Amino acid sequence: MNKSNLWLRAKSVDIQVSDQIVPGFDIGFDDKIPHEIKNELRTFVEWVENNFNIPVTLWVDFEYKHYLVRRNGERVGYMFYWTDFSSYPVFDNIDDIPQIRLPIRTEHSTTEEILRSFVEAITAYFAWICNEIHEEYEPNENDTEEILQEYLRIRA
């Protein structure tokens, strides 16, 4: 994996958090999402937690939808919500925990496509952790593809 990959760079960032903030993911699924997809996403989350640093809780809502719609009407494959650090690298407000919303419809997307969208969303989280995110931030497709291929290689 390329050393400049944002996921690897985020491993070395020392974020100071309050005791109320638990590292790792907090995930939820819409009841209509198939169990095999839920299990695959849980396995992926476990792999990420075991191999990368998630210092600030990342809430993820997997929604049974074709897509999400931004305020400007644009259809998107995920949304990442965050609040700027009040004093980087200190994160101490539990009410400002970042969140990902990810639509899932298996009749229109393969498991790999769903994982790719999830990897892109997590990449935005790591950009936030590295204090690089801003309103127009776009994940690096090479970072996304490297992570996805590494996971698929190990999973195979």
C-alpha atoms as a PDB file:
ATOM      1  CA  MET A   1       0.000   0.000   0.000  1.00  0.00           C
ATOM      2  CA  ASN A   2       1.271   3.470  -0.897  1.00  0.00           C
ATOM      3  CA  LYS A   3       2.748   5.252   2.156  1.00  0.00           C
ATOM      4  CA  SER A   4       0.947   8.458   1.173  1.00  0.00           C
ATOM      5  CA  ASN A   5      -2.434   6.720   1.463  1.00  0.00           C
ATOM      6  CA  LEU A   6      -4.607   8.824   3.753  1.00  0.00           C
ATOM      7  CA  TRP A   7      -5.680   5.767   5.746  1.00  0.00           C
ATOM      8  CA  LEU A   8      -2.041   5.046   6.638  1.00  0.00           C
ATOM      9  CA  ARG A   9      -1.255   8.688   7.400  1.00  0.00           C
ATOM     10  CA  ALA A  10      -4.242   8.845   9.772  1.00  0.00           C
ATOM     11  CA  LYS A  11      -2.782   5.977  11.834  1.00  0.00           C
ATOM     12  CA  SER A  12      -0.049   8.270  13.132  1.00  0.00           C
ATOM     13  CA  VAL A  13      -2.292  11.222  14.050  1.00  0.00           C
ATOM     14  CA  ASP A  14      -2.634  11.648  17.804  1.00  0.00           C
ATOM     15  CA  ILE A  15      -6.170  12.886  18.454  1.00  0.00           C
ATOM     16  CA  GLN A  16      -6.896  13.727  22.075  1.00  0.00           C
ATOM     17  CA  VAL A  17     -10.424  12.713  23.063  1.00  0.00           C
ATOM     18  CA  SER A  18     -12.496  12.848  26.240  1.00  0.00           C
ATOM     19  CA  ASP A  19     -13.249   9.668  28.200  1.00  0.00           C
ATOM     20  CA  GLN A  20     -16.852   9.793  26.924  1.00  0.00           C
ATOM     21  CA  ILE A  21     -15.737   9.194  23.346  1.00  0.00           C
ATOM     22  CA  VAL A  22     -15.176   5.558  22.446  1.00  0.00           C
ATOM     23  CA  PRO A  23     -12.871   4.738  19.527  1.00  0.00           C
ATOM     24  CA  GLY A  24     -14.212   2.656  16.637  1.00  0.00           C
ATOM     25  CA  PHE A  25     -17.446   2.353  14.721  1.00  0.00           C
ATOM     26  CA  ASP A  26     -21.036   2.504  15.923  1.00  0.00           C
ATOM     27  CA  ILE A  27     -23.119   1.025  13.094  1.00  0.00           C
ATOM     28  CA  GLY A  28     -26.823   0.593  12.432  1.00  0.00           C
ATOM     29  CA  PHE A  29     -28.724  -1.116   9.632  1.00  0.00           C
ATOM     30  CA  ASP A  30     -32.123  -0.593   8.081  1.00  0.00           C
ATOM     31  CA  ASP A  31     -34.119  -3.803   8.642  1.00  0.00           C
ATOM     32  CA  LYS A  32     -34.638  -4.276   4.880  1.00  0.00           C
ATOM     33  CA  ILE A  33     -30.914  -4.718   4.148  1.00  0.00           C
ATOM     34  CA  PRO A  34     -30.138  -8.419   3.463  1.00  0.00           C
ATOM     35  CA  HIS A  35     -28.329 -10.318   6.238  1.00  0.00           C
ATOM     36  CA  GLU A  36     -25.447 -11.368   3.963  1.00  0.00           C
ATOM     37  CA  ILE A  37     -24.708  -7.692   3.199  1.00  0.00           C
ATOM     38  CA  LYS A  38     -24.951  -6.785   6.893  1.00  0.00           C
ATOM     39  CA  ASN A  39     -22.502  -9.582   7.718  1.00  0.00           C
ATOM     40  CA  GLU A  40     -20.083  -8.479   4.989  1.00  0.00           C
ATOM     41  CA  LEU A  41     -20.171  -4.892   6.243  1.00  0.00           C
ATOM     42  CA  ARG A  42     -19.660  -6.022   9.857  1.00  0.00           C
ATOM     43  CA  THR A  43     -16.657  -8.086   8.729  1.00  0.00           C
ATOM     44  CA  PHE A  44     -15.256  -5.079   6.887  1.00  0.00           C
ATOM     45  CA  VAL A  45     -15.782  -2.813   9.932  1.00  0.00           C
ATOM     46  CA  GLU A  46     -13.938  -5.335  12.103  1.00  0.00           C
ATOM     47  CA  TRP A  47     -11.063  -5.438   9.585  1.00  0.00           C
ATOM     48  CA  VAL A  48     -10.831  -1.633   9.565  1.00  0.00           C
ATOM     49  CA  GLU A  49     -10.870  -1.449  13.375  1.00  0.00           C
ATOM     50  CA  ASN A  50      -8.119  -4.090  13.580  1.00  0.00           C
ATOM     51  CA  ASN A  51      -5.879  -2.443  10.982  1.00  0.00           C
ATOM     52  CA  PHE A  52      -6.451   1.302  11.226  1.00  0.00           C
ATOM     53  CA  ASN A  53      -6.952   3.969  13.867  1.00  0.00           C
ATOM     54  CA  ILE A  54     -10.536   5.158  14.488  1.00  0.00           C
ATOM     55  CA  PRO A  55      -9.856   7.499  17.444  1.00  0.00           C
ATOM     56  CA  VAL A  56     -13.231   9.295  17.410  1.00  0.00           C
ATOM     57  CA  THR A  57     -16.435   7.247  17.285  1.00  0.00           C
ATOM     58  CA  LEU A  58     -17.735   7.042  13.721  1.00  0.00           C
ATOM     59  CA  TRP A  59     -21.484   6.552  13.519  1.00  0.00           C
ATOM     60  CA  VAL A  60     -22.590   4.785  10.345  1.00  0.00           C
ATOM     61  CA  ASP A  61     -26.206   4.425   9.256  1.00  0.00           C
ATOM     62  CA  PHE A  62     -26.754   1.931   6.430  1.00  0.00           C
ATOM     63  CA  GLU A  63     -30.052   2.900   4.817  1.00  0.00           C
ATOM     64  CA  TYR A  64     -32.237   0.903   2.434  1.00  0.00           C
ATOM     65  CA  LYS A  65     -32.272   3.479  -0.363  1.00  0.00           C
ATOM     66  CA  HIS A  66     -31.042   3.813  -3.930  1.00  0.00           C
ATOM     67  CA  TYR A  67     -29.156   7.041  -3.186  1.00  0.00           C
ATOM     68  CA  LEU A  68     -29.116  10.052  -0.884  1.00  0.00           C
ATOM     69  CA  VAL A  69     -29.942  13.603  -1.942  1.00  0.00           C
ATOM     70  CA  ARG A  70     -27.913  16.616  -0.853  1.00  0.00           C
ATOM     71  CA  ARG A  71     -29.550  19.954  -0.134  1.00  0.00           C
ATOM     72  CA  ASN A  72     -28.596  21.131  -3.629  1.00  0.00           C
ATOM     73  CA  GLY A  73     -30.507  18.196  -5.160  1.00  0.00           C
ATOM     74  CA  GLU A  74     -27.399  16.189  -6.118  1.00  0.00           C
ATOM     75  CA  ARG A  75     -27.749  12.408  -5.776  1.00  0.00           C
ATOM     76  CA  VAL A  76     -24.833  10.838  -3.922  1.00  0.00           C
ATOM     77  CA  GLY A  77     -23.623   7.404  -2.829  1.00  0.00           C
ATOM     78  CA  TYR A  78     -22.881   8.487   0.754  1.00  0.00           C
ATOM     79  CA  MET A  79     -22.909  11.506   3.042  1.00  0.00           C
ATOM     80  CA  PHE A  80     -20.317  12.356   5.675  1.00  0.00           C
ATOM     81  CA  TYR A  81     -21.289  14.806   8.392  1.00  0.00           C
ATOM     82  CA  TRP A  82     -18.693  16.370  10.657  1.00  0.00           C
ATOM     83  CA  THR A  83     -18.038  19.345  12.886  1.00  0.00           C
ATOM     84  CA  ASP A  84     -14.719  21.141  12.812  1.00  0.00           C
ATOM     85  CA  PHE A  85     -12.413  20.520  15.739  1.00  0.00           C
ATOM     86  CA  SER A  86     -12.736  23.327  18.276  1.00  0.00           C
ATOM     87  CA  SER A  87      -9.012  23.043  18.984  1.00  0.00           C
ATOM     88  CA  TYR A  88      -7.236  20.532  16.725  1.00  0.00           C
ATOM     89  CA  PRO A  89      -6.091  17.849  17.653  1.00  0.00           C
ATOM     90  CA  VAL A  90      -8.454  17.889  20.655  1.00  0.00           C
ATOM     91  CA  PHE A  91     -11.927  16.403  20.168  1.00  0.00           C
ATOM     92  CA  ASP A  92     -14.015  16.549  23.306  1.00  0.00           C
ATOM     93  CA  ASN A  93     -17.650  17.166  22.384  1.00  0.00           C
ATOM     94  CA  ILE A  94     -19.603  13.911  22.206  1.00  0.00           C
ATOM     95  CA  ASP A  95     -22.465  15.782  20.504  1.00  0.00           C
ATOM     96  CA  ASP A  96     -20.198  16.420  17.498  1.00  0.00           C
ATOM     97  CA  ILE A  97     -19.408  12.776  16.684  1.00  0.00           C
ATOM     98  CA  PRO A  98     -19.008  12.395  12.885  1.00  0.00           C
ATOM     99  CA  GLN A  99     -21.580  10.382  10.956  1.00  0.00           C
ATOM    100  CA  ILE A 100     -21.777   8.524   7.653  1.00  0.00           C
ATOM    101  CA  ARG A 101     -25.060   7.785   5.895  1.00  0.00           C
ATOM    102  CA  LEU A 102     -24.734   5.102   3.226  1.00  0.00           C
ATOM    103  CA  PRO A 103     -27.583   3.932   0.963  1.00  0.00           C
ATOM    104  CA  ILE A 104     -27.726   0.223   0.126  1.00  0.00           C
ATOM    105  CA  ARG A 105     -29.883  -1.452  -2.510  1.00  0.00           C
ATOM    106  CA  THR A 106     -28.480  -4.831  -3.497  1.00  0.00           C
ATOM    107  CA  GLU A 107     -30.709  -5.184  -6.536  1.00  0.00           C
ATOM    108  CA  HIS A 108     -28.796  -2.282  -8.105  1.00  0.00           C
ATOM    109  CA  SER A 109     -25.322  -2.599  -6.547  1.00  0.00           C
ATOM    110  CA  THR A 110     -22.830  -5.403  -6.037  1.00  0.00           C
ATOM    111  CA  THR A 111     -21.227  -6.005  -2.664  1.00  0.00           C
ATOM    112  CA  GLU A 112     -17.974  -4.586  -4.053  1.00  0.00           C
ATOM    113  CA  GLU A 113     -19.732  -1.384  -5.166  1.00  0.00           C
ATOM    114  CA  ILE A 114     -21.281  -0.999  -1.710  1.00  0.00           C
ATOM    115  CA  LEU A 115     -17.879  -1.522  -0.090  1.00  0.00           C
ATOM    116  CA  ARG A 116     -16.306   1.024  -2.465  1.00  0.00           C
ATOM    117  CA  SER A 117     -18.821   3.680  -1.382  1.00  0.00           C
ATOM    118  CA  PHE A 118     -18.173   2.816   2.257  1.00  0.00           C
ATOM    119  CA  VAL A 119     -14.396   3.063   1.742  1.00  0.00           C
ATOM    120  CA  GLU A 120     -14.855   6.490   0.101  1.00  0.00           C
ATOM    121  CA  ALA A 121     -16.910   7.645   3.085  1.00  0.00           C
ATOM    122  CA  ILE A 122     -14.336   6.371   5.590  1.00  0.00           C
ATOM    123  CA  THR A 123     -11.646   8.140   3.560  1.00  0.00           C
ATOM    124  CA  ALA A 124     -13.524  11.394   4.186  1.00  0.00           C
ATOM    125  CA  TYR A 125     -13.463  10.555   7.922  1.00  0.00           C
ATOM    126  CA  PHE A 126      -9.688  10.064   7.771  1.00  0.00           C
ATOM    127  CA  ALA A 127      -9.325  13.385   5.941  1.00  0.00           C
ATOM    128  CA  TRP A 128     -11.244  14.928   8.833  1.00  0.00           C
ATOM    129  CA  ILE A 129      -8.962  13.174  11.366  1.00  0.00           C
ATOM    130  CA  CYS A 130      -5.900  14.515   9.507  1.00  0.00           C
ATOM    131  CA  ASN A 131      -7.455  17.997   9.537  1.00  0.00           C
ATOM    132  CA  GLU A 132      -7.518  18.078   5.721  1.00  0.00           C
ATOM    133  CA  ILE A 133     -11.256  18.068   5.127  1.00  0.00           C
ATOM    134  CA  HIS A 134     -13.145  21.091   3.925  1.00  0.00           C
ATOM    135  CA  GLU A 135     -16.392  21.674   2.090  1.00  0.00           C
ATOM    136  CA  GLU A 136     -15.059  20.669  -1.334  1.00  0.00           C
ATOM    137  CA  TYR A 137     -12.908  17.705  -0.207  1.00  0.00           C
ATOM    138  CA  GLU A 138     -12.953  14.758  -2.616  1.00  0.00           C
ATOM    139  CA  PRO A 139     -11.474  11.379  -1.629  1.00  0.00           C
ATOM    140  CA  ASN A 140      -8.448  10.245  -3.614  1.00  0.00           C
ATOM    141  CA  GLU A 141      -9.638   7.404  -5.844  1.00  0.00           C
ATOM    142  CA  ASN A 142      -6.240   5.702  -5.577  1.00  0.00           C
ATOM    143  CA  ASP A 143      -6.521   5.608  -1.765  1.00  0.00           C
ATOM    144  CA  THR A 144     -10.013   4.158  -2.043  1.00  0.00           C
ATOM    145  CA  GLU A 145      -9.006   1.513  -4.571  1.00  0.00           C
ATOM    146  CA  GLU A 146      -5.896   0.490  -2.591  1.00  0.00           C
ATOM    147  CA  ILE A 147      -7.916  -0.081   0.572  1.00  0.00           C
ATOM    148  CA  LEU A 148     -10.706  -1.921  -1.224  1.00  0.00           C
ATOM    149  CA  GLN A 149      -8.281  -4.207  -3.083  1.00  0.00           C
ATOM    150  CA  GLU A 150      -6.319  -4.935   0.114  1.00  0.00           C
ATOM    151  CA  TYR A 151      -9.517  -5.952   1.899  1.00  0.00           C
ATOM    152  CA  LEU A 152     -10.760  -8.054  -1.040  1.00  0.00           C
ATOM    153  CA  ARG A 153      -7.347  -9.763  -1.290  1.00  0.00           C
ATOM    154  CA  ILE A 154      -7.372 -10.693   2.400  1.00  0.00           C
ATOM    155  CA  ARG A 155     -11.031 -11.729   2.333  1.00  0.00           C
ATOM    156  CA  ALA A 156     -10.549 -14.052  -0.670  1.00  0.00           C
END
